Amino acid sequence: RRSPYNEWLKAQGYPGPNPWQDHANAGVGPDGEILSGWYLRN
């Protein structure tokens, strides 16, 4: 299904096809790398 939340994030300027995964549920490492929330250590 089309995610209403993802579509809203895109409208706010969050980049990428899946800002839910890359922004709402991920951090940023010291070198700008994505720290995915799927990894428990993050």
PDB file of all heavy atoms in Angstrom:
ATOM      1  N   ARG A   1       0.837  -1.203   0.000  1.00  0.00           N
ATOM      2  CA  ARG A   1       0.000   0.000   0.000  1.00  0.00           C
ATOM      3  C   ARG A   1       0.876   1.259   0.000  1.00  0.00           C
ATOM      4  O   ARG A   1       2.005   1.228   0.463  1.00  0.00           O
ATOM      5  CB  ARG A   1      -0.916   0.017   1.234  1.00  0.00           C
ATOM      6  CG  ARG A   1      -1.973  -1.049   1.211  1.00  0.00           C
ATOM      7  CD  ARG A   1      -2.786  -1.051   2.492  1.00  0.00           C
ATOM      8  NE  ARG A   1      -1.967  -1.368   3.647  1.00  0.00           N
ATOM      9  CZ  ARG A   1      -1.720  -0.506   4.630  1.00  0.00           C
ATOM     10  NH1 ARG A   1      -2.238   0.703   4.609  1.00  0.00           N
ATOM     11  NH2 ARG A   1      -0.966  -0.869   5.648  1.00  0.00           N
ATOM     12  N   ARG A   2       0.340   2.323  -0.514  1.00  0.00           N
ATOM     13  CA  ARG A   2       1.074   3.592  -0.537  1.00  0.00           C
ATOM     14  C   ARG A   2       1.084   4.180   0.870  1.00  0.00           C
ATOM     15  O   ARG A   2       0.033   4.375   1.475  1.00  0.00           O
ATOM     16  CB  ARG A   2       0.412   4.558  -1.514  1.00  0.00           C
ATOM     17  CG  ARG A   2       1.305   5.706  -1.951  1.00  0.00           C
ATOM     18  CD  ARG A   2       0.592   6.524  -3.032  1.00  0.00           C
ATOM     19  NE  ARG A   2       1.445   7.572  -3.562  1.00  0.00           N
ATOM     20  CZ  ARG A   2       2.252   7.410  -4.598  1.00  0.00           C
ATOM     21  NH1 ARG A   2       2.310   6.231  -5.187  1.00  0.00           N
ATOM     22  NH2 ARG A   2       2.984   8.418  -5.031  1.00  0.00           N
ATOM     23  N   SER A   3       2.251   4.466   1.397  1.00  0.00           N
ATOM     24  CA  SER A   3       2.376   4.962   2.766  1.00  0.00           C
ATOM     25  C   SER A   3       2.020   6.436   2.845  1.00  0.00           C
ATOM     26  O   SER A   3       2.713   7.282   2.260  1.00  0.00           O
ATOM     27  CB  SER A   3       3.809   4.762   3.271  1.00  0.00           C
ATOM     28  OG  SER A   3       4.072   5.592   4.377  1.00  0.00           O
ATOM     29  N   PRO A   4       0.954   6.787   3.570  1.00  0.00           N
ATOM     30  CA  PRO A   4       0.636   8.226   3.701  1.00  0.00           C
ATOM     31  C   PRO A   4       1.731   8.989   4.423  1.00  0.00           C
ATOM     32  O   PRO A   4       1.977  10.161   4.121  1.00  0.00           O
ATOM     33  CB  PRO A   4      -0.673   8.219   4.483  1.00  0.00           C
ATOM     34  CG  PRO A   4      -0.701   6.903   5.189  1.00  0.00           C
ATOM     35  CD  PRO A   4       0.021   5.941   4.305  1.00  0.00           C
ATOM     36  N   TYR A   5       2.403   8.322   5.363  1.00  0.00           N
ATOM     37  CA  TYR A   5       3.467   8.994   6.102  1.00  0.00           C
ATOM     38  C   TYR A   5       4.680   9.247   5.208  1.00  0.00           C
ATOM     39  O   TYR A   5       5.273  10.329   5.222  1.00  0.00           O
ATOM     40  CB  TYR A   5       3.850   8.158   7.320  1.00  0.00           C
ATOM     41  CG  TYR A   5       4.985   8.734   8.139  1.00  0.00           C
ATOM     42  CD1 TYR A   5       4.878   9.983   8.734  1.00  0.00           C
ATOM     43  CD2 TYR A   5       6.169   8.018   8.311  1.00  0.00           C
ATOM     44  CE1 TYR A   5       5.911  10.521   9.485  1.00  0.00           C
ATOM     45  CE2 TYR A   5       7.209   8.536   9.069  1.00  0.00           C
ATOM     46  CZ  TYR A   5       7.081   9.795   9.656  1.00  0.00           C
ATOM     47  OH  TYR A   5       8.106  10.310  10.400  1.00  0.00           O
ATOM     48  N   ASN A   6       5.047   8.251   4.401  1.00  0.00           N
ATOM     49  CA  ASN A   6       6.170   8.438   3.491  1.00  0.00           C
ATOM     50  C   ASN A   6       5.890   9.557   2.492  1.00  0.00           C
ATOM     51  O   ASN A   6       6.771  10.375   2.185  1.00  0.00           O
ATOM     52  CB  ASN A   6       6.458   7.130   2.742  1.00  0.00           C
ATOM     53  CG  ASN A   6       7.782   6.502   3.173  1.00  0.00           C
ATOM     54  OD1 ASN A   6       8.617   7.148   3.779  1.00  0.00           O
ATOM     55  ND2 ASN A   6       7.958   5.237   2.849  1.00  0.00           N
ATOM     56  N   GLU A   7       4.673   9.586   1.974  1.00  0.00           N
ATOM     57  CA  GLU A   7       4.332  10.641   1.023  1.00  0.00           C
ATOM     58  C   GLU A   7       4.405  12.016   1.685  1.00  0.00           C
ATOM     59  O   GLU A   7       4.843  12.996   1.080  1.00  0.00           O
ATOM     60  CB  GLU A   7       2.929  10.396   0.445  1.00  0.00           C
ATOM     61  CG  GLU A   7       2.807   9.112  -0.353  1.00  0.00           C
ATOM     62  CD  GLU A   7       3.830   9.010  -1.464  1.00  0.00           C
ATOM     63  OE1 GLU A   7       3.948   9.970  -2.251  1.00  0.00           O
ATOM     64  OE2 GLU A   7       4.533   7.976  -1.543  1.00  0.00           O
ATOM     65  N   TRP A   8       3.996  12.087   2.944  1.00  0.00           N
ATOM     66  CA  TRP A   8       4.069  13.357   3.667  1.00  0.00           C
ATOM     67  C   TRP A   8       5.524  13.768   3.884  1.00  0.00           C
ATOM     68  O   TRP A   8       5.874  14.945   3.725  1.00  0.00           O
ATOM     69  CB  TRP A   8       3.335  13.226   4.997  1.00  0.00           C
ATOM     70  CG  TRP A   8       3.301  14.499   5.777  1.00  0.00           C
ATOM     71  CD1 TRP A   8       2.428  15.544   5.643  1.00  0.00           C
ATOM     72  CD2 TRP A   8       4.210  14.874   6.830  1.00  0.00           C
ATOM     73  NE1 TRP A   8       2.732  16.538   6.541  1.00  0.00           N
ATOM     74  CE2 TRP A   8       3.809  16.157   7.282  1.00  0.00           C
ATOM     75  CE3 TRP A   8       5.298  14.258   7.429  1.00  0.00           C
ATOM     76  CZ2 TRP A   8       4.477  16.825   8.302  1.00  0.00           C
ATOM     77  CZ3 TRP A   8       5.970  14.920   8.452  1.00  0.00           C
ATOM     78  CH2 TRP A   8       5.566  16.193   8.877  1.00  0.00           C
ATOM     79  N   LEU A   9       6.385  12.796   4.247  1.00  0.00           N
ATOM     80  CA  LEU A   9       7.801  13.116   4.447  1.00  0.00           C
ATOM     81  C   LEU A   9       8.430  13.651   3.162  1.00  0.00           C
ATOM     82  O   LEU A   9       9.219  14.604   3.191  1.00  0.00           O
ATOM     83  CB  LEU A   9       8.563  11.870   4.917  1.00  0.00           C
ATOM     84  CG  LEU A   9       8.330  11.411   6.353  1.00  0.00           C
ATOM     85  CD1 LEU A   9       9.112  10.131   6.634  1.00  0.00           C
ATOM     86  CD2 LEU A   9       8.714  12.482   7.369  1.00  0.00           C
ATOM     87  N   LYS A  10       8.081  13.049   2.042  1.00  0.00           N
ATOM     88  CA  LYS A  10       8.617  13.532   0.765  1.00  0.00           C
ATOM     89  C   LYS A  10       8.176  14.972   0.517  1.00  0.00           C
ATOM     90  O   LYS A  10       8.957  15.800   0.021  1.00  0.00           O
ATOM     91  CB  LYS A  10       8.154  12.621  -0.367  1.00  0.00           C
ATOM     92  CG  LYS A  10       8.743  11.222  -0.307  1.00  0.00           C
ATOM     93  CD  LYS A  10       8.118  10.334  -1.376  1.00  0.00           C
ATOM     94  CE  LYS A  10       8.564   8.884  -1.235  1.00  0.00           C
ATOM     95  NZ  LYS A  10       7.907   8.000  -2.232  1.00  0.00           N
ATOM     96  N   ALA A  11       6.926  15.272   0.861  1.00  0.00           N
ATOM     97  CA  ALA A  11       6.416  16.631   0.671  1.00  0.00           C
ATOM     98  C   ALA A  11       7.128  17.635   1.565  1.00  0.00           C
ATOM     99  O   ALA A  11       7.175  18.834   1.246  1.00  0.00           O
ATOM    100  CB  ALA A  11       4.905  16.661   0.933  1.00  0.00           C
ATOM    101  N   GLN A  12       7.701  17.162   2.678  1.00  0.00           N
ATOM    102  CA  GLN A  12       8.448  18.052   3.574  1.00  0.00           C
ATOM    103  C   GLN A  12       9.892  18.234   3.135  1.00  0.00           C
ATOM    104  O   GLN A  12      10.646  18.973   3.784  1.00  0.00           O
ATOM    105  CB  GLN A  12       8.431  17.510   5.014  1.00  0.00           C
ATOM    106  CG  GLN A  12       7.053  17.235   5.579  1.00  0.00           C
ATOM    107  CD  GLN A  12       6.085  18.370   5.386  1.00  0.00           C
ATOM    108  OE1 GLN A  12       6.350  19.495   5.826  1.00  0.00           O
ATOM    109  NE2 GLN A  12       4.964  18.092   4.715  1.00  0.00           N
ATOM    110  N   GLY A  13      10.286  17.547   2.063  1.00  0.00           N
ATOM    111  CA  GLY A  13      11.640  17.716   1.540  1.00  0.00           C
ATOM    112  C   GLY A  13      12.617  16.627   1.924  1.00  0.00           C
ATOM    113  O   GLY A  13      13.809  16.729   1.596  1.00  0.00           O
ATOM    114  N   TYR A  14      12.173  15.602   2.616  1.00  0.00           N
ATOM    115  CA  TYR A  14      13.085  14.500   2.934  1.00  0.00           C
ATOM    116  C   TYR A  14      13.387  13.723   1.657  1.00  0.00           C
ATOM    117  O   TYR A  14      12.467  13.314   0.932  1.00  0.00           O
ATOM    118  CB  TYR A  14      12.469  13.583   3.994  1.00  0.00           C
ATOM    119  CG  TYR A  14      12.423  14.205   5.362  1.00  0.00           C
ATOM    120  CD1 TYR A  14      11.293  14.894   5.795  1.00  0.00           C
ATOM    121  CD2 TYR A  14      13.520  14.139   6.222  1.00  0.00           C
ATOM    122  CE1 TYR A  14      11.248  15.493   7.044  1.00  0.00           C
ATOM    123  CE2 TYR A  14      13.481  14.726   7.471  1.00  0.00           C
ATOM    124  CZ  TYR A  14      12.350  15.406   7.879  1.00  0.00           C
ATOM    125  OH  TYR A  14      12.307  16.002   9.118  1.00  0.00           O
ATOM    126  N   PRO A  15      14.659  13.483   1.354  1.00  0.00           N
ATOM    127  CA  PRO A  15      15.023  12.885   0.061  1.00  0.00           C
ATOM    128  C   PRO A  15      14.912  11.362   0.069  1.00  0.00           C
ATOM    129  O   PRO A  15      14.809  10.730   1.121  1.00  0.00           O
ATOM    130  CB  PRO A  15      16.484  13.317  -0.103  1.00  0.00           C
ATOM    131  CG  PRO A  15      16.995  13.398   1.306  1.00  0.00           C
ATOM    132  CD  PRO A  15      15.836  13.890   2.143  1.00  0.00           C
ATOM    133  N   GLY A  16      14.946  10.815  -1.140  1.00  0.00           N
ATOM    134  CA  GLY A  16      14.984   9.377  -1.312  1.00  0.00           C
ATOM    135  C   GLY A  16      13.605   8.772  -1.463  1.00  0.00           C
ATOM    136  O   GLY A  16      12.592   9.377  -1.106  1.00  0.00           O
ATOM    137  N   PRO A  17      13.557   7.535  -1.989  1.00  0.00           N
ATOM    138  CA  PRO A  17      12.270   6.865  -2.210  1.00  0.00           C
ATOM    139  C   PRO A  17      11.603   6.376  -0.935  1.00  0.00           C
ATOM    140  O   PRO A  17      10.402   6.134  -0.921  1.00  0.00           O
ATOM    141  CB  PRO A  17      12.642   5.690  -3.126  1.00  0.00           C
ATOM    142  CG  PRO A  17      14.084   5.415  -2.798  1.00  0.00           C
ATOM    143  CD  PRO A  17      14.700   6.740  -2.494  1.00  0.00           C
ATOM    144  N   ASN A  18      12.375   6.237   0.154  1.00  0.00           N
ATOM    145  CA  ASN A  18      11.802   5.695   1.398  1.00  0.00           C
ATOM    146  C   ASN A  18      12.354   6.452   2.601  1.00  0.00           C
ATOM    147  O   ASN A  18      13.177   5.930   3.360  1.00  0.00           O
ATOM    148  CB  ASN A  18      12.109   4.203   1.536  1.00  0.00           C
ATOM    149  CG  ASN A  18      11.299   3.520   2.633  1.00  0.00           C
ATOM    150  OD1 ASN A  18      10.763   4.186   3.512  1.00  0.00           O
ATOM    151  ND2 ASN A  18      11.219   2.204   2.590  1.00  0.00           N
ATOM    152  N   PRO A  19      11.923   7.701   2.806  1.00  0.00           N
ATOM    153  CA  PRO A  19      12.421   8.453   3.963  1.00  0.00           C
ATOM    154  C   PRO A  19      12.027   7.830   5.297  1.00  0.00           C
ATOM    155  O   PRO A  19      12.674   8.098   6.307  1.00  0.00           O
ATOM    156  CB  PRO A  19      11.810   9.842   3.778  1.00  0.00           C
ATOM    157  CG  PRO A  19      10.668   9.650   2.833  1.00  0.00           C
ATOM    158  CD  PRO A  19      11.023   8.500   1.961  1.00  0.00           C
ATOM    159  N   TRP A  20      10.950   7.016   5.334  1.00  0.00           N
ATOM    160  CA  TRP A  20      10.629   6.287   6.569  1.00  0.00           C
ATOM    161  C   TRP A  20      11.824   5.454   7.003  1.00  0.00           C
ATOM    162  O   TRP A  20      12.182   5.420   8.185  1.00  0.00           O
ATOM    163  CB  TRP A  20       9.417   5.383   6.351  1.00  0.00           C
ATOM    164  CG  TRP A  20       9.098   4.514   7.525  1.00  0.00           C
ATOM    165  CD1 TRP A  20       8.276   4.811   8.570  1.00  0.00           C
ATOM    166  CD2 TRP A  20       9.603   3.194   7.799  1.00  0.00           C
ATOM    167  NE1 TRP A  20       8.237   3.770   9.478  1.00  0.00           N
ATOM    168  CE2 TRP A  20       9.054   2.758   9.019  1.00  0.00           C
ATOM    169  CE3 TRP A  20      10.485   2.347   7.129  1.00  0.00           C
ATOM    170  CZ2 TRP A  20       9.344   1.523   9.581  1.00  0.00           C
ATOM    171  CZ3 TRP A  20      10.775   1.106   7.692  1.00  0.00           C
ATOM    172  CH2 TRP A  20      10.199   0.709   8.907  1.00  0.00           C
ATOM    173  N   GLN A  21      12.439   4.779   6.047  1.00  0.00           N
ATOM    174  CA  GLN A  21      13.543   3.882   6.362  1.00  0.00           C
ATOM    175  C   GLN A  21      14.857   4.618   6.549  1.00  0.00           C
ATOM    176  O   GLN A  21      15.650   4.278   7.438  1.00  0.00           O
ATOM    177  CB  GLN A  21      13.678   2.836   5.243  1.00  0.00           C
ATOM    178  CG  GLN A  21      14.687   1.735   5.507  1.00  0.00           C
ATOM    179  CD  GLN A  21      14.445   0.533   4.610  1.00  0.00           C
ATOM    180  OE1 GLN A  21      13.702  -0.374   4.955  1.00  0.00           O
ATOM    181  NE2 GLN A  21      15.065   0.529   3.452  1.00  0.00           N
ATOM    182  N   ASP A  22      15.102   5.648   5.728  1.00  0.00           N
ATOM    183  CA  ASP A  22      16.406   6.309   5.717  1.00  0.00           C
ATOM    184  C   ASP A  22      16.508   7.514   6.641  1.00  0.00           C
ATOM    185  O   ASP A  22      17.624   7.992   6.887  1.00  0.00           O
ATOM    186  CB  ASP A  22      16.751   6.753   4.286  1.00  0.00           C
ATOM    187  CG  ASP A  22      16.918   5.569   3.348  1.00  0.00           C
ATOM    188  OD1 ASP A  22      17.159   4.452   3.843  1.00  0.00           O
ATOM    189  OD2 ASP A  22      16.794   5.759   2.118  1.00  0.00           O
ATOM    190  N   HIS A  23      15.364   8.013   7.151  1.00  0.00           N
ATOM    191  CA  HIS A  23      15.396   9.198   8.016  1.00  0.00           C
ATOM    192  C   HIS A  23      14.668   8.961   9.335  1.00  0.00           C
ATOM    193  O   HIS A  23      15.261   9.108  10.406  1.00  0.00           O
ATOM    194  CB  HIS A  23      14.810  10.411   7.283  1.00  0.00           C
ATOM    195  CG  HIS A  23      15.690  10.922   6.194  1.00  0.00           C
ATOM    196  ND1 HIS A  23      16.678  11.854   6.405  1.00  0.00           N
ATOM    197  CD2 HIS A  23      15.754  10.591   4.874  1.00  0.00           C
ATOM    198  CE1 HIS A  23      17.306  12.104   5.276  1.00  0.00           C
ATOM    199  NE2 HIS A  23      16.768  11.349   4.327  1.00  0.00           N
ATOM    200  N   ALA A  24      13.364   8.628   9.261  1.00  0.00           N
ATOM    201  CA  ALA A  24      12.596   8.452  10.491  1.00  0.00           C
ATOM    202  C   ALA A  24      13.112   7.296  11.322  1.00  0.00           C
ATOM    203  O   ALA A  24      12.949   7.280  12.547  1.00  0.00           O
ATOM    204  CB  ALA A  24      11.120   8.245  10.159  1.00  0.00           C
ATOM    205  N   ASN A  25      13.747   6.319  10.677  1.00  0.00           N
ATOM    206  CA  ASN A  25      14.206   5.124  11.391  1.00  0.00           C
ATOM    207  C   ASN A  25      15.678   4.835  11.132  1.00  0.00           C
ATOM    208  O   ASN A  25      16.096   3.673  11.041  1.00  0.00           O
ATOM    209  CB  ASN A  25      13.336   3.933  11.004  1.00  0.00           C
ATOM    210  CG  ASN A  25      11.953   4.019  11.611  1.00  0.00           C
ATOM    211  OD1 ASN A  25      11.746   3.733  12.785  1.00  0.00           O
ATOM    212  ND2 ASN A  25      10.984   4.472  10.809  1.00  0.00           N
ATOM    213  N   ALA A  26      16.450   5.898  11.045  1.00  0.00           N
ATOM    214  CA  ALA A  26      17.893   5.761  10.871  1.00  0.00           C
ATOM    215  C   ALA A  26      18.593   6.986  11.433  1.00  0.00           C
ATOM    216  O   ALA A  26      18.036   8.087  11.429  1.00  0.00           O
ATOM    217  CB  ALA A  26      18.254   5.579   9.396  1.00  0.00           C
ATOM    218  N   GLY A  27      19.809   6.785  11.928  1.00  0.00           N
ATOM    219  CA  GLY A  27      20.633   7.888  12.390  1.00  0.00           C
ATOM    220  C   GLY A  27      21.691   8.228  11.358  1.00  0.00           C
ATOM    221  O   GLY A  27      21.668   7.738  10.223  1.00  0.00           O
ATOM    222  N   VAL A  28      22.638   9.077  11.757  1.00  0.00           N
ATOM    223  CA  VAL A  28      23.733   9.482  10.877  1.00  0.00           C
ATOM    224  C   VAL A  28      25.050   9.243  11.595  1.00  0.00           C
ATOM    225  O   VAL A  28      25.226   9.648  12.751  1.00  0.00           O
ATOM    226  CB  VAL A  28      23.615  10.972  10.479  1.00  0.00           C
ATOM    227  CG1 VAL A  28      24.762  11.352   9.546  1.00  0.00           C
ATOM    228  CG2 VAL A  28      22.281  11.240   9.812  1.00  0.00           C
ATOM    229  N   GLY A  29      25.981   8.576  10.901  1.00  0.00           N
ATOM    230  CA  GLY A  29      27.291   8.306  11.468  1.00  0.00           C
ATOM    231  C   GLY A  29      28.232   9.484  11.351  1.00  0.00           C
ATOM    232  O   GLY A  29      27.899  10.509  10.724  1.00  0.00           O
ATOM    233  N   PRO A  30      29.437   9.370  11.923  1.00  0.00           N
ATOM    234  CA  PRO A  30      30.386  10.496  11.933  1.00  0.00           C
ATOM    235  C   PRO A  30      30.830  10.915  10.539  1.00  0.00           C
ATOM    236  O   PRO A  30      31.228  12.072  10.324  1.00  0.00           O
ATOM    237  CB  PRO A  30      31.558   9.956  12.756  1.00  0.00           C
ATOM    238  CG  PRO A  30      31.405   8.465  12.741  1.00  0.00           C
ATOM    239  CD  PRO A  30      29.947   8.210  12.653  1.00  0.00           C
ATOM    240  N   ASP A  31      30.753  10.014   9.577  1.00  0.00           N
ATOM    241  CA  ASP A  31      31.153  10.342   8.215  1.00  0.00           C
ATOM    242  C   ASP A  31      29.943  10.551   7.304  1.00  0.00           C
ATOM    243  O   ASP A  31      30.052  10.494   6.077  1.00  0.00           O
ATOM    244  CB  ASP A  31      32.044   9.231   7.650  1.00  0.00           C
ATOM    245  CG  ASP A  31      33.335   9.070   8.438  1.00  0.00           C
ATOM    246  OD1 ASP A  31      33.905  10.115   8.838  1.00  0.00           O
ATOM    247  OD2 ASP A  31      33.749   7.925   8.675  1.00  0.00           O
ATOM    248  N   GLY A  32      28.769  10.777   7.908  1.00  0.00           N
ATOM    249  CA  GLY A  32      27.571  11.022   7.135  1.00  0.00           C
ATOM    250  C   GLY A  32      26.856   9.780   6.653  1.00  0.00           C
ATOM    251  O   GLY A  32      25.881   9.876   5.906  1.00  0.00           O
ATOM    252  N   GLU A  33      27.314   8.620   7.086  1.00  0.00           N
ATOM    253  CA  GLU A  33      26.697   7.377   6.642  1.00  0.00           C
ATOM    254  C   GLU A  33      25.384   7.123   7.382  1.00  0.00           C
ATOM    255  O   GLU A  33      25.196   7.565   8.515  1.00  0.00           O
ATOM    256  CB  GLU A  33      27.644   6.193   6.838  1.00  0.00           C
ATOM    257  CG  GLU A  33      27.897   5.783   8.286  1.00  0.00           C
ATOM    258  CD  GLU A  33      29.017   6.555   8.961  1.00  0.00           C
ATOM    259  OE1 GLU A  33      29.359   7.660   8.487  1.00  0.00           O
ATOM    260  OE2 GLU A  33      29.551   6.050   9.968  1.00  0.00           O
ATOM    261  N   ILE A  34      24.476   6.420   6.710  1.00  0.00           N
ATOM    262  CA  ILE A  34      23.206   6.050   7.330  1.00  0.00           C
ATOM    263  C   ILE A  34      23.450   4.973   8.375  1.00  0.00           C
ATOM    264  O   ILE A  34      24.113   3.969   8.114  1.00  0.00           O
ATOM    265  CB  ILE A  34      22.210   5.547   6.261  1.00  0.00           C
ATOM    266  CG1 ILE A  34      21.761   6.694   5.364  1.00  0.00           C
ATOM    267  CG2 ILE A  34      21.002   4.895   6.918  1.00  0.00           C
ATOM    268  CD1 ILE A  34      20.850   6.254   4.224  1.00  0.00           C
ATOM    269  N   LEU A  35      22.916   5.207   9.573  1.00  0.00           N
ATOM    270  CA  LEU A  35      22.955   4.206  10.644  1.00  0.00           C
ATOM    271  C   LEU A  35      21.547   3.626  10.783  1.00  0.00           C
ATOM    272  O   LEU A  35      20.707   4.173  11.491  1.00  0.00           O
ATOM    273  CB  LEU A  35      23.417   4.838  11.961  1.00  0.00           C
ATOM    274  CG  LEU A  35      24.812   5.463  11.973  1.00  0.00           C
ATOM    275  CD1 LEU A  35      25.106   6.086  13.341  1.00  0.00           C
ATOM    276  CD2 LEU A  35      25.878   4.425  11.629  1.00  0.00           C
ATOM    277  N   SER A  36      21.298   2.548  10.093  1.00  0.00           N
ATOM    278  CA  SER A  36      19.940   2.002  10.051  1.00  0.00           C
ATOM    279  C   SER A  36      19.475   1.548  11.428  1.00  0.00           C
ATOM    280  O   SER A  36      20.189   0.846  12.149  1.00  0.00           O
ATOM    281  CB  SER A  36      19.885   0.813   9.087  1.00  0.00           C
ATOM    282  OG  SER A  36      18.627   0.173   9.144  1.00  0.00           O
ATOM    283  N   GLY A  37      18.236   1.939  11.753  1.00  0.00           N
ATOM    284  CA  GLY A  37      17.646   1.501  13.013  1.00  0.00           C
ATOM    285  C   GLY A  37      17.346   0.017  13.045  1.00  0.00           C
ATOM    286  O   GLY A  37      17.063  -0.528  14.117  1.00  0.00           O
ATOM    287  N   TRP A  38      17.393  -0.643  11.877  1.00  0.00           N
ATOM    288  CA  TRP A  38      17.197  -2.099  11.871  1.00  0.00           C
ATOM    289  C   TRP A  38      18.318  -2.809  12.620  1.00  0.00           C
ATOM    290  O   TRP A  38      18.109  -3.902  13.146  1.00  0.00           O
ATOM    291  CB  TRP A  38      17.117  -2.621  10.446  1.00  0.00           C
ATOM    292  CG  TRP A  38      15.844  -2.287   9.744  1.00  0.00           C
ATOM    293  CD1 TRP A  38      15.690  -1.490   8.648  1.00  0.00           C
ATOM    294  CD2 TRP A  38      14.532  -2.737  10.087  1.00  0.00           C
ATOM    295  NE1 TRP A  38      14.373  -1.410   8.277  1.00  0.00           N
ATOM    296  CE2 TRP A  38      13.634  -2.171   9.151  1.00  0.00           C
ATOM    297  CE3 TRP A  38      14.018  -3.555  11.078  1.00  0.00           C
ATOM    298  CZ2 TRP A  38      12.257  -2.405   9.184  1.00  0.00           C
ATOM    299  CZ3 TRP A  38      12.654  -3.793  11.118  1.00  0.00           C
ATOM    300  CH2 TRP A  38      11.799  -3.221  10.184  1.00  0.00           C
ATOM    301  N   TYR A  39      19.506  -2.211  12.668  1.00  0.00           N
ATOM    302  CA  TYR A  39      20.616  -2.803  13.408  1.00  0.00           C
ATOM    303  C   TYR A  39      20.516  -2.375  14.863  1.00  0.00           C
ATOM    304  O   TYR A  39      20.555  -1.188  15.179  1.00  0.00           O
ATOM    305  CB  TYR A  39      21.955  -2.370  12.823  1.00  0.00           C
ATOM    306  CG  TYR A  39      22.120  -2.730  11.361  1.00  0.00           C
ATOM    307  CD1 TYR A  39      22.467  -1.758  10.426  1.00  0.00           C
ATOM    308  CD2 TYR A  39      21.920  -4.035  10.924  1.00  0.00           C
ATOM    309  CE1 TYR A  39      22.613  -2.077   9.092  1.00  0.00           C
ATOM    310  CE2 TYR A  39      22.059  -4.362   9.584  1.00  0.00           C
ATOM    311  CZ  TYR A  39      22.405  -3.385   8.671  1.00  0.00           C
ATOM    312  OH  TYR A  39      22.544  -3.707   7.344  1.00  0.00           O
ATOM    313  N   LEU A  40      20.371  -3.346  15.749  1.00  0.00           N
ATOM    314  CA  LEU A  40      20.113  -3.033  17.152  1.00  0.00           C
ATOM    315  C   LEU A  40      21.204  -2.170  17.767  1.00  0.00           C
ATOM    316  O   LEU A  40      20.930  -1.359  18.652  1.00  0.00           O
ATOM    317  CB  LEU A  40      19.934  -4.330  17.944  1.00  0.00           C
ATOM    318  CG  LEU A  40      18.743  -5.204  17.524  1.00  0.00           C
ATOM    319  CD1 LEU A  40      18.714  -6.496  18.341  1.00  0.00           C
ATOM    320  CD2 LEU A  40      17.430  -4.449  17.672  1.00  0.00           C
ATOM    321  N   ARG A  41      22.431  -2.329  17.298  1.00  0.00           N
ATOM    322  CA  ARG A  41      23.518  -1.539  17.880  1.00  0.00           C
ATOM    323  C   ARG A  41      23.357  -0.047  17.605  1.00  0.00           C
ATOM    324  O   ARG A  41      23.976   0.790  18.275  1.00  0.00           O
ATOM    325  CB  ARG A  41      24.861  -2.035  17.355  1.00  0.00           C
ATOM    326  CG  ARG A  41      25.088  -1.735  15.882  1.00  0.00           C
ATOM    327  CD  ARG A  41      26.455  -2.209  15.436  1.00  0.00           C
ATOM    328  NE  ARG A  41      26.725  -1.862  14.041  1.00  0.00           N
ATOM    329  CZ  ARG A  41      27.868  -2.161  13.426  1.00  0.00           C
ATOM    330  NH1 ARG A  41      28.810  -2.818  14.079  1.00  0.00           N
ATOM    331  NH2 ARG A  41      28.047  -1.803  12.171  1.00  0.00           N
ATOM    332  N   ASN A  42      22.539   0.313  16.594  1.00  0.00           N
ATOM    333  CA  ASN A  42      22.323   1.723  16.260  1.00  0.00           C
ATOM    334  C   ASN A  42      21.160   2.339  17.011  1.00  0.00           C
ATOM    335  O   ASN A  42      20.828   3.509  16.782  1.00  0.00           O
ATOM    336  CB  ASN A  42      22.078   1.870  14.758  1.00  0.00           C
ATOM    337  CG  ASN A  42      23.305   1.557  13.926  1.00  0.00           C
ATOM    338  OD1 ASN A  42      24.433   1.673  14.404  1.00  0.00           O
ATOM    339  ND2 ASN A  42      23.093   1.153  12.681  1.00  0.00           N
TER     340      ASN A  42
END
